[in-house]
């Protein structure tokens, strides 16, 4: 799956990954890949700008640390990020329900069975 196909959903996916706890950037990429069974193999050029955008919005906070002599930026969800994630989940459920009426045969009210 390409980044373009995730338009409008990447921020929610990143917030959901960080809901489990603080992670550095590459670990976030690995978590997306693992939770999607490899479908979400997104490049750093997609992930890091999104993380910076979420940080500017106050949804994530980051700290620098040194691990084995290497500098790492670790990201964690803020309270505002948790609220944003709850809103994203509610919006996703509504979107899924509405679009499903058209794309999932037999789920629309009055659809032939």
PDB file of N, CA and C in Angstrom:
ATOM      1  N   UNK A   1       0.847  -1.174   0.000  1.00  0.00           N
ATOM      2  CA  UNK A   1       0.000   0.000   0.000  1.00  0.00           C
ATOM      3  C   UNK A   1       0.892   1.235   0.000  1.00  0.00           C
ATOM      4  N   UNK A   2       0.575   2.172  -0.841  1.00  0.00           N
ATOM      5  CA  UNK A   2       1.385   3.370  -0.983  1.00  0.00           C
ATOM      6  C   UNK A   2       0.847   4.495  -0.100  1.00  0.00           C
ATOM      7  N   UNK A   3       1.735   5.427   0.208  1.00  0.00           N
ATOM      8  CA  UNK A   3       1.378   6.551   1.068  1.00  0.00           C
ATOM      9  C   UNK A   3       0.186   7.325   0.509  1.00  0.00           C
ATOM     10  N   UNK A   4       0.102   7.471  -0.831  1.00  0.00           N
ATOM     11  CA  UNK A   4      -1.010   8.207  -1.449  1.00  0.00           C
ATOM     12  C   UNK A   4      -2.353   7.570  -1.110  1.00  0.00           C
ATOM     13  N   UNK A   5      -2.385   6.248  -1.001  1.00  0.00           N
ATOM     14  CA  UNK A   5      -3.631   5.549  -0.703  1.00  0.00           C
ATOM     15  C   UNK A   5      -4.083   5.785   0.734  1.00  0.00           C
ATOM     16  N   UNK A   6      -3.173   6.236   1.566  1.00  0.00           N
ATOM     17  CA  UNK A   6      -3.491   6.484   2.975  1.00  0.00           C
ATOM     18  C   UNK A   6      -3.867   7.934   3.236  1.00  0.00           C
ATOM     19  N   UNK A   7      -3.960   8.718   2.179  1.00  0.00           N
ATOM     20  CA  UNK A   7      -4.243  10.140   2.338  1.00  0.00           C
ATOM     21  C   UNK A   7      -5.404  10.347   3.312  1.00  0.00           C
ATOM     22  N   UNK A   8      -5.161  11.146   4.319  1.00  0.00           N
ATOM     23  CA  UNK A   8      -6.194  11.439   5.305  1.00  0.00           C
ATOM     24  C   UNK A   8      -6.252  10.460   6.460  1.00  0.00           C
ATOM     25  N   UNK A   9      -5.477   9.369   6.395  1.00  0.00           N
ATOM     26  CA  UNK A   9      -5.534   8.371   7.463  1.00  0.00           C
ATOM     27  C   UNK A   9      -4.189   8.148   8.148  1.00  0.00           C
ATOM     28  N   UNK A  10      -3.118   8.663   7.579  1.00  0.00           N
ATOM     29  CA  UNK A  10      -1.788   8.410   8.136  1.00  0.00           C
ATOM     30  C   UNK A  10      -1.658   8.929   9.563  1.00  0.00           C
ATOM     31  N   UNK A  11      -2.150  10.127   9.824  1.00  0.00           N
ATOM     32  CA  UNK A  11      -2.041  10.679  11.174  1.00  0.00           C
ATOM     33  C   UNK A  11      -2.725   9.768  12.194  1.00  0.00           C
ATOM     34  N   UNK A  12      -3.903   9.281  11.857  1.00  0.00           N
ATOM     35  CA  UNK A  12      -4.629   8.390  12.768  1.00  0.00           C
ATOM     36  C   UNK A  12      -3.845   7.106  13.005  1.00  0.00           C
ATOM     37  N   UNK A  13      -3.224   6.565  11.961  1.00  0.00           N
ATOM     38  CA  UNK A  13      -2.434   5.345  12.115  1.00  0.00           C
ATOM     39  C   UNK A  13      -1.237   5.589  13.025  1.00  0.00           C
ATOM     40  N   UNK A  14      -0.575   6.717  12.860  1.00  0.00           N
ATOM     41  CA  UNK A  14       0.569   7.033  13.716  1.00  0.00           C
ATOM     42  C   UNK A  14       0.137   7.222  15.163  1.00  0.00           C
ATOM     43  N   UNK A  15      -0.968   7.910  15.375  1.00  0.00           N
ATOM     44  CA  UNK A  15      -1.470   8.089  16.746  1.00  0.00           C
ATOM     45  C   UNK A  15      -1.812   6.736  17.371  1.00  0.00           C
ATOM     46  N   UNK A  16      -2.414   5.854  16.599  1.00  0.00           N
ATOM     47  CA  UNK A  16      -2.783   4.530  17.108  1.00  0.00           C
ATOM     48  C   UNK A  16      -1.551   3.710  17.479  1.00  0.00           C
ATOM     49  N   UNK A  17      -0.498   3.804  16.681  1.00  0.00           N
ATOM     50  CA  UNK A  17       0.746   3.094  17.011  1.00  0.00           C
ATOM     51  C   UNK A  17       1.333   3.628  18.314  1.00  0.00           C
ATOM     52  N   UNK A  18       1.314   4.949  18.474  1.00  0.00           N
ATOM     53  CA  UNK A  18       1.898   5.553  19.676  1.00  0.00           C
ATOM     54  C   UNK A  18       1.021   5.377  20.913  1.00  0.00           C
ATOM     55  N   UNK A  19      -0.208   4.957  20.718  1.00  0.00           N
ATOM     56  CA  UNK A  19      -1.092   4.703  21.857  1.00  0.00           C
ATOM     57  C   UNK A  19      -0.509   3.601  22.751  1.00  0.00           C
ATOM     58  N   UNK A  20       0.257   2.697  22.164  1.00  0.00           N
ATOM     59  CA  UNK A  20       0.853   1.587  22.914  1.00  0.00           C
ATOM     60  C   UNK A  20       2.043   2.023  23.760  1.00  0.00           C
ATOM     61  N   UNK A  21       2.603   3.194  23.475  1.00  0.00           N
ATOM     62  CA  UNK A  21       3.750   3.684  24.234  1.00  0.00           C
ATOM     63  C   UNK A  21       4.712   4.427  23.327  1.00  0.00           C
ATOM     64  N   UNK A  22       5.679   5.079  23.934  1.00  0.00           N
ATOM     65  CA  UNK A  22       6.655   5.885  23.208  1.00  0.00           C
ATOM     66  C   UNK A  22       7.537   5.000  22.323  1.00  0.00           C
ATOM     67  N   UNK A  23       7.830   5.497  21.125  1.00  0.00           N
ATOM     68  CA  UNK A  23       8.677   4.780  20.169  1.00  0.00           C
ATOM     69  C   UNK A  23       9.545   5.772  19.404  1.00  0.00           C
ATOM     70  N   UNK A  24      10.701   5.329  18.973  1.00  0.00           N
ATOM     71  CA  UNK A  24      11.512   6.157  18.082  1.00  0.00           C
ATOM     72  C   UNK A  24      11.016   5.941  16.653  1.00  0.00           C
ATOM     73  N   UNK A  25      11.437   6.815  15.761  1.00  0.00           N
ATOM     74  CA  UNK A  25      10.896   6.836  14.404  1.00  0.00           C
ATOM     75  C   UNK A  25      10.942   5.516  13.665  1.00  0.00           C
ATOM     76  N   UNK A  26      12.099   4.852  13.676  1.00  0.00           N
ATOM     77  CA  UNK A  26      12.196   3.596  12.930  1.00  0.00           C
ATOM     78  C   UNK A  26      11.303   2.527  13.554  1.00  0.00           C
ATOM     79  N   UNK A  27      11.170   2.531  14.873  1.00  0.00           N
ATOM     80  CA  UNK A  27      10.283   1.563  15.535  1.00  0.00           C
ATOM     81  C   UNK A  27       8.826   1.803  15.147  1.00  0.00           C
ATOM     82  N   UNK A  28       8.464   3.049  14.895  1.00  0.00           N
ATOM     83  CA  UNK A  28       7.109   3.366  14.433  1.00  0.00           C
ATOM     84  C   UNK A  28       6.894   2.755  13.052  1.00  0.00           C
ATOM     85  N   UNK A  29       7.872   2.912  12.183  1.00  0.00           N
ATOM     86  CA  UNK A  29       7.785   2.337  10.830  1.00  0.00           C
ATOM     87  C   UNK A  29       7.646   0.820  10.926  1.00  0.00           C
ATOM     88  N   UNK A  30       8.442   0.202  11.795  1.00  0.00           N
ATOM     89  CA  UNK A  30       8.374  -1.244  11.982  1.00  0.00           C
ATOM     90  C   UNK A  30       7.023  -1.680  12.544  1.00  0.00           C
ATOM     91  N   UNK A  31       6.467  -0.899  13.469  1.00  0.00           N
ATOM     92  CA  UNK A  31       5.161  -1.231  14.053  1.00  0.00           C
ATOM     93  C   UNK A  31       4.059  -1.160  12.998  1.00  0.00           C
ATOM     94  N   UNK A  32       4.102  -0.149  12.133  1.00  0.00           N
ATOM     95  CA  UNK A  32       3.126  -0.049  11.042  1.00  0.00           C
ATOM     96  C   UNK A  32       3.233  -1.265  10.133  1.00  0.00           C
ATOM     97  N   UNK A  33       4.462  -1.641   9.807  1.00  0.00           N
ATOM     98  CA  UNK A  33       4.692  -2.793   8.929  1.00  0.00           C
ATOM     99  C   UNK A  33       4.178  -4.076   9.587  1.00  0.00           C
ATOM    100  N   UNK A  34       4.494  -4.268  10.868  1.00  0.00           N
ATOM    101  CA  UNK A  34       4.106  -5.498  11.571  1.00  0.00           C
ATOM    102  C   UNK A  34       2.594  -5.600  11.743  1.00  0.00           C
ATOM    103  N   UNK A  35       1.954  -4.509  12.177  1.00  0.00           N
ATOM    104  CA  UNK A  35       0.507  -4.558  12.430  1.00  0.00           C
ATOM    105  C   UNK A  35      -0.304  -4.687  11.155  1.00  0.00           C
ATOM    106  N   UNK A  36       0.306  -4.343  10.012  1.00  0.00           N
ATOM    107  CA  UNK A  36      -0.405  -4.448   8.733  1.00  0.00           C
ATOM    108  C   UNK A  36       0.035  -5.691   7.959  1.00  0.00           C
ATOM    109  N   UNK A  37       0.756  -6.581   8.598  1.00  0.00           N
ATOM    110  CA  UNK A  37       1.292  -7.777   7.919  1.00  0.00           C
ATOM    111  C   UNK A  37       2.079  -7.403   6.662  1.00  0.00           C
ATOM    112  N   UNK A  38       2.814  -6.304   6.737  1.00  0.00           N
ATOM    113  CA  UNK A  38       3.669  -5.885   5.640  1.00  0.00           C
ATOM    114  C   UNK A  38       3.027  -4.984   4.612  1.00  0.00           C
ATOM    115  N   UNK A  39       1.729  -4.747   4.718  1.00  0.00           N
ATOM    116  CA  UNK A  39       1.041  -3.906   3.728  1.00  0.00           C
ATOM    117  C   UNK A  39       1.459  -2.446   3.815  1.00  0.00           C
ATOM    118  N   UNK A  40       1.778  -1.991   5.022  1.00  0.00           N
ATOM    119  CA  UNK A  40       2.191  -0.597   5.211  1.00  0.00           C
ATOM    120  C   UNK A  40       3.701  -0.550   5.379  1.00  0.00           C
ATOM    121  N   UNK A  41       4.399  -0.445   4.284  1.00  0.00           N
ATOM    122  CA  UNK A  41       5.858  -0.354   4.275  1.00  0.00           C
ATOM    123  C   UNK A  41       6.203   1.044   3.789  1.00  0.00           C
ATOM    124  N   UNK A  42       6.057   2.008   4.686  1.00  0.00           N
ATOM    125  CA  UNK A  42       6.158   3.411   4.299  1.00  0.00           C
ATOM    126  C   UNK A  42       7.566   3.947   4.512  1.00  0.00           C
ATOM    127  N   UNK A  43       8.022   4.802   3.615  1.00  0.00           N
ATOM    128  CA  UNK A  43       9.377   5.349   3.729  1.00  0.00           C
ATOM    129  C   UNK A  43       9.476   6.414   4.803  1.00  0.00           C
ATOM    130  N   UNK A  44      10.699   6.643   5.257  1.00  0.00           N
ATOM    131  CA  UNK A  44      10.933   7.666   6.279  1.00  0.00           C
ATOM    132  C   UNK A  44      10.482   9.039   5.789  1.00  0.00           C
ATOM    133  N   UNK A  45      10.565   9.274   4.484  1.00  0.00           N
ATOM    134  CA  UNK A  45      10.149  10.556   3.909  1.00  0.00           C
ATOM    135  C   UNK A  45       8.657  10.804   4.008  1.00  0.00           C
ATOM    136  N   UNK A  46       7.900   9.775   4.343  1.00  0.00           N
ATOM    137  CA  UNK A  46       6.464   9.913   4.584  1.00  0.00           C
ATOM    138  C   UNK A  46       6.198  10.040   6.084  1.00  0.00           C
ATOM    139  N   UNK A  47       6.873   9.219   6.871  1.00  0.00           N
ATOM    140  CA  UNK A  47       6.602   9.133   8.305  1.00  0.00           C
ATOM    141  C   UNK A  47       7.096  10.359   9.079  1.00  0.00           C
ATOM    142  N   UNK A  48       8.355  10.752   8.864  1.00  0.00           N
ATOM    143  CA  UNK A  48       8.911  11.843   9.669  1.00  0.00           C
ATOM    144  C   UNK A  48       8.208  13.181   9.471  1.00  0.00           C
ATOM    145  N   UNK A  49       7.853  13.573   8.264  1.00  0.00           N
ATOM    146  CA  UNK A  49       7.080  14.822   8.132  1.00  0.00           C
ATOM    147  C   UNK A  49       5.727  14.738   8.844  1.00  0.00           C
ATOM    148  N   UNK A  50       5.086  13.573   8.808  1.00  0.00           N
ATOM    149  CA  UNK A  50       3.801  13.413   9.495  1.00  0.00           C
ATOM    150  C   UNK A  50       3.991  13.520  11.006  1.00  0.00           C
ATOM    151  N   UNK A  51       5.065  12.936  11.531  1.00  0.00           N
ATOM    152  CA  UNK A  51       5.341  13.040  12.966  1.00  0.00           C
ATOM    153  C   UNK A  51       5.609  14.493  13.361  1.00  0.00           C
ATOM    154  N   UNK A  52       6.347  15.220  12.531  1.00  0.00           N
ATOM    155  CA  UNK A  52       6.588  16.641  12.829  1.00  0.00           C
ATOM    156  C   UNK A  52       5.280  17.431  12.802  1.00  0.00           C
ATOM    157  N   UNK A  53       4.397  17.117  11.853  1.00  0.00           N
ATOM    158  CA  UNK A  53       3.090  17.786  11.774  1.00  0.00           C
ATOM    159  C   UNK A  53       2.271  17.503  13.027  1.00  0.00           C
ATOM    160  N   UNK A  54       2.282  16.236  13.480  1.00  0.00           N
ATOM    161  CA  UNK A  54       1.544  15.865  14.690  1.00  0.00           C
ATOM    162  C   UNK A  54       2.138  16.544  15.925  1.00  0.00           C
ATOM    163  N   UNK A  55       3.450  16.716  15.923  1.00  0.00           N
ATOM    164  CA  UNK A  55       4.087  17.400  17.052  1.00  0.00           C
ATOM    165  C   UNK A  55       3.706  18.879  17.072  1.00  0.00           C
ATOM    166  N   UNK A  56       3.711  19.517  15.907  1.00  0.00           N
ATOM    167  CA  UNK A  56       3.304  20.933  15.839  1.00  0.00           C
ATOM    168  C   UNK A  56       1.860  21.110  16.289  1.00  0.00           C
ATOM    169  N   UNK A  57       1.017  20.111  16.012  1.00  0.00           N
ATOM    170  CA  UNK A  57      -0.396  20.176  16.401  1.00  0.00           C
ATOM    171  C   UNK A  57      -0.584  19.869  17.886  1.00  0.00           C
ATOM    172  N   UNK A  58       0.478  19.431  18.561  1.00  0.00           N
ATOM    173  CA  UNK A  58       0.371  19.113  19.982  1.00  0.00           C
ATOM    174  C   UNK A  58      -0.138  17.705  20.259  1.00  0.00           C
ATOM    175  N   UNK A  59      -0.207  16.859  19.226  1.00  0.00           N
ATOM    176  CA  UNK A  59      -0.724  15.498  19.396  1.00  0.00           C
ATOM    177  C   UNK A  59       0.348  14.504  19.812  1.00  0.00           C
ATOM    178  N   UNK A  60       1.598  14.815  19.526  1.00  0.00           N
ATOM    179  CA  UNK A  60       2.713  14.006  20.004  1.00  0.00           C
ATOM    180  C   UNK A  60       3.782  14.938  20.553  1.00  0.00           C
ATOM    181  N   UNK A  61       4.579  14.390  21.452  1.00  0.00           N
ATOM    182  CA  UNK A  61       5.737  15.103  21.991  1.00  0.00           C
ATOM    183  C   UNK A  61       6.955  14.232  21.716  1.00  0.00           C
ATOM    184  N   UNK A  62       8.102  14.863  21.547  1.00  0.00           N
ATOM    185  CA  UNK A  62       9.300  14.078  21.281  1.00  0.00           C
ATOM    186  C   UNK A  62      10.425  14.491  22.217  1.00  0.00           C
ATOM    187  N   UNK A  63      11.313  13.546  22.445  1.00  0.00           N
ATOM    188  CA  UNK A  63      12.511  13.801  23.233  1.00  0.00           C
ATOM    189  C   UNK A  63      13.686  13.132  22.530  1.00  0.00           C
ATOM    190  N   UNK A  64      14.864  13.694  22.712  1.00  0.00           N
ATOM    191  CA  UNK A  64      16.072  13.122  22.147  1.00  0.00           C
ATOM    192  C   UNK A  64      16.766  12.296  23.216  1.00  0.00           C
ATOM    193  N   UNK A  65      17.329  11.185  22.798  1.00  0.00           N
ATOM    194  CA  UNK A  65      18.127  10.357  23.704  1.00  0.00           C
ATOM    195  C   UNK A  65      19.268   9.741  22.906  1.00  0.00           C
ATOM    196  N   UNK A  66      20.255   9.250  23.633  1.00  0.00           N
ATOM    197  CA  UNK A  66      21.376   8.573  22.997  1.00  0.00           C
ATOM    198  C   UNK A  66      21.336   7.112  23.390  1.00  0.00           C
ATOM    199  N   UNK A  67      21.301   6.236  22.383  1.00  0.00           N
ATOM    200  CA  UNK A  67      21.274   4.797  22.602  1.00  0.00           C
ATOM    201  C   UNK A  67      22.436   4.191  21.824  1.00  0.00           C
ATOM    202  N   UNK A  68      23.320   3.515  22.534  1.00  0.00           N
ATOM    203  CA  UNK A  68      24.509   2.918  21.897  1.00  0.00           C
ATOM    204  C   UNK A  68      25.276   3.933  21.057  1.00  0.00           C
ATOM    205  N   UNK A  69      25.379   5.149  21.577  1.00  0.00           N
ATOM    206  CA  UNK A  69      26.125   6.188  20.884  1.00  0.00           C
ATOM    207  C   UNK A  69      25.387   6.857  19.743  1.00  0.00           C
ATOM    208  N   UNK A  70      24.144   6.478  19.523  1.00  0.00           N
ATOM    209  CA  UNK A  70      23.352   7.067  18.433  1.00  0.00           C
ATOM    210  C   UNK A  70      22.226   7.919  19.002  1.00  0.00           C
ATOM    211  N   UNK A  71      22.026   9.072  18.393  1.00  0.00           N
ATOM    212  CA  UNK A  71      20.924   9.951  18.796  1.00  0.00           C
ATOM    213  C   UNK A  71      19.620   9.439  18.211  1.00  0.00           C
ATOM    214  N   UNK A  72      18.605   9.389  19.062  1.00  0.00           N
ATOM    215  CA  UNK A  72      17.274   8.965  18.612  1.00  0.00           C
ATOM    216  C   UNK A  72      16.234   9.941  19.131  1.00  0.00           C
ATOM    217  N   UNK A  73      15.257  10.173  18.291  1.00  0.00           N
ATOM    218  CA  UNK A  73      14.121  10.989  18.714  1.00  0.00           C
ATOM    219  C   UNK A  73      12.982  10.030  19.012  1.00  0.00           C
ATOM    220  N   UNK A  74      12.471  10.120  20.217  1.00  0.00           N
ATOM    221  CA  UNK A  74      11.386   9.239  20.639  1.00  0.00           C
ATOM    222  C   UNK A  74      10.104  10.063  20.730  1.00  0.00           C
ATOM    223  N   UNK A  75       9.040   9.486  20.206  1.00  0.00           N
ATOM    224  CA  UNK A  75       7.744  10.171  20.143  1.00  0.00           C
ATOM    225  C   UNK A  75       6.763   9.503  21.090  1.00  0.00           C
ATOM    226  N   UNK A  76       5.929  10.333  21.713  1.00  0.00           N
ATOM    227  CA  UNK A  76       4.875   9.784  22.563  1.00  0.00           C
ATOM    228  C   UNK A  76       3.597  10.585  22.389  1.00  0.00           C
ATOM    229  N   UNK A  77       2.492   9.915  22.609  1.00  0.00           N
ATOM    230  CA  UNK A  77       1.177  10.520  22.478  1.00  0.00           C
ATOM    231  C   UNK A  77       0.930  11.474  23.642  1.00  0.00           C
ATOM    232  N   UNK A  78       0.354  12.624  23.364  1.00  0.00           N
ATOM    233  CA  UNK A  78      -0.043  13.566  24.408  1.00  0.00           C
ATOM    234  C   UNK A  78      -1.529  13.356  24.721  1.00  0.00           C
ATOM    235  N   UNK A  79      -2.017  14.038  25.739  1.00  0.00           N
ATOM    236  CA  UNK A  79      -3.452  13.961  26.039  1.00  0.00           C
ATOM    237  C   UNK A  79      -4.274  14.477  24.860  1.00  0.00           C
ATOM    238  N   UNK A  80      -3.790  15.541  24.233  1.00  0.00           N
ATOM    239  CA  UNK A  80      -4.486  16.063  23.045  1.00  0.00           C
ATOM    240  C   UNK A  80      -4.460  15.030  21.921  1.00  0.00           C
ATOM    241  N   UNK A  81      -3.368  14.285  21.816  1.00  0.00           N
ATOM    242  CA  UNK A  81      -3.270  13.236  20.811  1.00  0.00           C
ATOM    243  C   UNK A  81      -4.248  12.102  21.076  1.00  0.00           C
ATOM    244  N   UNK A  82      -4.447  11.771  22.350  1.00  0.00           N
ATOM    245  CA  UNK A  82      -5.427  10.732  22.704  1.00  0.00           C
ATOM    246  C   UNK A  82      -6.838  11.177  22.326  1.00  0.00           C
ATOM    247  N   UNK A  83      -7.141  12.443  22.572  1.00  0.00           N
ATOM    248  CA  UNK A  83      -8.453  12.962  22.183  1.00  0.00           C
ATOM    249  C   UNK A  83      -8.601  12.971  20.659  1.00  0.00           C
ATOM    250  N   UNK A  84      -7.540  13.364  19.970  1.00  0.00           N
ATOM    251  CA  UNK A  84      -7.575  13.371  18.498  1.00  0.00           C
ATOM    252  C   UNK A  84      -7.770  11.954  17.964  1.00  0.00           C
ATOM    253  N   UNK A  85      -7.114  10.975  18.577  1.00  0.00           N
ATOM    254  CA  UNK A  85      -7.259   9.588  18.151  1.00  0.00           C
ATOM    255  C   UNK A  85      -8.687   9.104  18.362  1.00  0.00           C
ATOM    256  N   UNK A  86      -9.293   9.475  19.476  1.00  0.00           N
ATOM    257  CA  UNK A  86     -10.692   9.093  19.725  1.00  0.00           C
ATOM    258  C   UNK A  86     -11.595   9.685  18.641  1.00  0.00           C
ATOM    259  N   UNK A  87     -11.337  10.931  18.262  1.00  0.00           N
ATOM    260  CA  UNK A  87     -12.117  11.557  17.191  1.00  0.00           C
ATOM    261  C   UNK A  87     -11.886  10.886  15.850  1.00  0.00           C
ATOM    262  N   UNK A  88     -10.644  10.518  15.567  1.00  0.00           N
ATOM    263  CA  UNK A  88     -10.327   9.814  14.322  1.00  0.00           C
ATOM    264  C   UNK A  88     -11.040   8.464  14.261  1.00  0.00           C
ATOM    265  N   UNK A  89     -11.089   7.769  15.390  1.00  0.00           N
ATOM    266  CA  UNK A  89     -11.760   6.465  15.423  1.00  0.00           C
ATOM    267  C   UNK A  89     -13.261   6.619  15.184  1.00  0.00           C
ATOM    268  N   UNK A  90     -13.859   7.628  15.785  1.00  0.00           N
ATOM    269  CA  UNK A  90     -15.288   7.861  15.583  1.00  0.00           C
ATOM    270  C   UNK A  90     -15.556   8.211  14.120  1.00  0.00           C
ATOM    271  N   UNK A  91     -14.716   9.057  13.547  1.00  0.00           N
ATOM    272  CA  UNK A  91     -14.876   9.418  12.143  1.00  0.00           C
ATOM    273  C   UNK A  91     -14.686   8.215  11.226  1.00  0.00           C
ATOM    274  N   UNK A  92     -13.725   7.341  11.568  1.00  0.00           N
ATOM    275  CA  UNK A  92     -13.484   6.141  10.766  1.00  0.00           C
ATOM    276  C   UNK A  92     -14.699   5.221  10.802  1.00  0.00           C
ATOM    277  N   UNK A  93     -15.288   5.037  11.977  1.00  0.00           N
ATOM    278  CA  UNK A  93     -16.469   4.164  12.079  1.00  0.00           C
ATOM    279  C   UNK A  93     -17.619   4.712  11.239  1.00  0.00           C
ATOM    280  N   UNK A  94     -17.815   6.014  11.274  1.00  0.00           N
ATOM    281  CA  UNK A  94     -18.888   6.624  10.485  1.00  0.00           C
ATOM    282  C   UNK A  94     -18.597   6.481   8.986  1.00  0.00           C
ATOM    283  N   UNK A  95     -17.363   6.737   8.584  1.00  0.00           N
ATOM    284  CA  UNK A  95     -16.963   6.596   7.184  1.00  0.00           C
ATOM    285  C   UNK A  95     -17.158   5.158   6.718  1.00  0.00           C
ATOM    286  N   UNK A  96     -16.689   4.208   7.499  1.00  0.00           N
ATOM    287  CA  UNK A  96     -16.787   2.796   7.155  1.00  0.00           C
ATOM    288  C   UNK A  96     -18.244   2.362   7.018  1.00  0.00           C
ATOM    289  N   UNK A  97     -19.069   2.832   7.929  1.00  0.00           N
ATOM    290  CA  UNK A  97     -20.479   2.488   7.888  1.00  0.00           C
ATOM    291  C   UNK A  97     -21.158   3.066   6.646  1.00  0.00           C
ATOM    292  N   UNK A  98     -20.872   4.329   6.358  1.00  0.00           N
ATOM    293  CA  UNK A  98     -21.512   4.987   5.217  1.00  0.00           C
ATOM    294  C   UNK A  98     -21.037   4.404   3.892  1.00  0.00           C
ATOM    295  N   UNK A  99     -19.748   4.275   3.702  1.00  0.00           N
ATOM    296  CA  UNK A  99     -19.210   3.751   2.443  1.00  0.00           C
ATOM    297  C   UNK A  99     -19.562   2.275   2.297  1.00  0.00           C
ATOM    298  N   UNK A 100     -19.613   1.568   3.401  1.00  0.00           N
ATOM    299  CA  UNK A 100     -19.966   0.157   3.370  1.00  0.00           C
ATOM    300  C   UNK A 100     -21.355  -0.085   2.797  1.00  0.00           C
ATOM    301  N   UNK A 101     -22.238   0.882   2.954  1.00  0.00           N
ATOM    302  CA  UNK A 101     -23.593   0.746   2.386  1.00  0.00           C
ATOM    303  C   UNK A 101     -23.556   0.638   0.870  1.00  0.00           C
ATOM    304  N   UNK A 102     -22.484   1.140   0.273  1.00  0.00           N
ATOM    305  CA  UNK A 102     -22.350   1.100  -1.179  1.00  0.00           C
ATOM    306  C   UNK A 102     -21.436  -0.027  -1.640  1.00  0.00           C
ATOM    307  N   UNK A 103     -20.380  -0.275  -0.896  1.00  0.00           N
ATOM    308  CA  UNK A 103     -19.361  -1.215  -1.361  1.00  0.00           C
ATOM    309  C   UNK A 103     -19.497  -2.627  -0.809  1.00  0.00           C
ATOM    310  N   UNK A 104     -20.203  -2.806   0.290  1.00  0.00           N
ATOM    311  CA  UNK A 104     -20.421  -4.144   0.854  1.00  0.00           C
ATOM    312  C   UNK A 104     -21.800  -4.617   0.444  1.00  0.00           C
ATOM    313  N   UNK A 105     -21.887  -5.564  -0.466  1.00  0.00           N
ATOM    314  CA  UNK A 105     -23.189  -6.040  -0.944  1.00  0.00           C
ATOM    315  C   UNK A 105     -24.053  -6.550   0.218  1.00  0.00           C
ATOM    316  N   UNK A 106     -25.302  -6.174   0.166  1.00  0.00           N
ATOM    317  CA  UNK A 106     -26.262  -6.672   1.140  1.00  0.00           C
ATOM    318  C   UNK A 106     -26.294  -5.925   2.462  1.00  0.00           C
ATOM    319  N   UNK A 107     -25.440  -4.910   2.651  1.00  0.00           N
ATOM    320  CA  UNK A 107     -25.440  -4.196   3.924  1.00  0.00           C
ATOM    321  C   UNK A 107     -26.263  -2.913   3.896  1.00  0.00           C
ATOM    322  N   UNK A 108     -26.609  -2.454   2.714  1.00  0.00           N
ATOM    323  CA  UNK A 108     -27.391  -1.221   2.593  1.00  0.00           C
ATOM    324  C   UNK A 108     -28.845  -1.498   2.932  1.00  0.00           C
ATOM    325  N   UNK A 109     -29.486  -0.544   3.621  1.00  0.00           N
ATOM    326  CA  UNK A 109     -30.913  -0.718   3.900  1.00  0.00           C
ATOM    327  C   UNK A 109     -31.688  -0.891   2.596  1.00  0.00           C
ATOM    328  N   UNK A 110     -32.502  -1.908   2.529  1.00  0.00           N
ATOM    329  CA  UNK A 110     -33.318  -2.170   1.351  1.00  0.00           C
ATOM    330  C   UNK A 110     -32.560  -2.864   0.220  1.00  0.00           C
ATOM    331  N   UNK A 111     -31.296  -3.249   0.464  1.00  0.00           N
ATOM    332  CA  UNK A 111     -30.521  -3.927  -0.580  1.00  0.00           C
ATOM    333  C   UNK A 111     -31.048  -5.333  -0.795  1.00  0.00           C
ATOM    334  N   UNK A 112     -31.058  -5.793  -2.026  1.00  0.00           N
ATOM    335  CA  UNK A 112     -31.501  -7.170  -2.280  1.00  0.00           C
ATOM    336  C   UNK A 112     -30.562  -8.158  -1.590  1.00  0.00           C
ATOM    337  N   UNK A 113     -31.132  -9.198  -1.084  1.00  0.00           N
ATOM    338  CA  UNK A 113     -30.332 -10.197  -0.367  1.00  0.00           C
ATOM    339  C   UNK A 113     -30.088 -11.404  -1.226  1.00  0.00           C
TER     340      UNK A 113
END
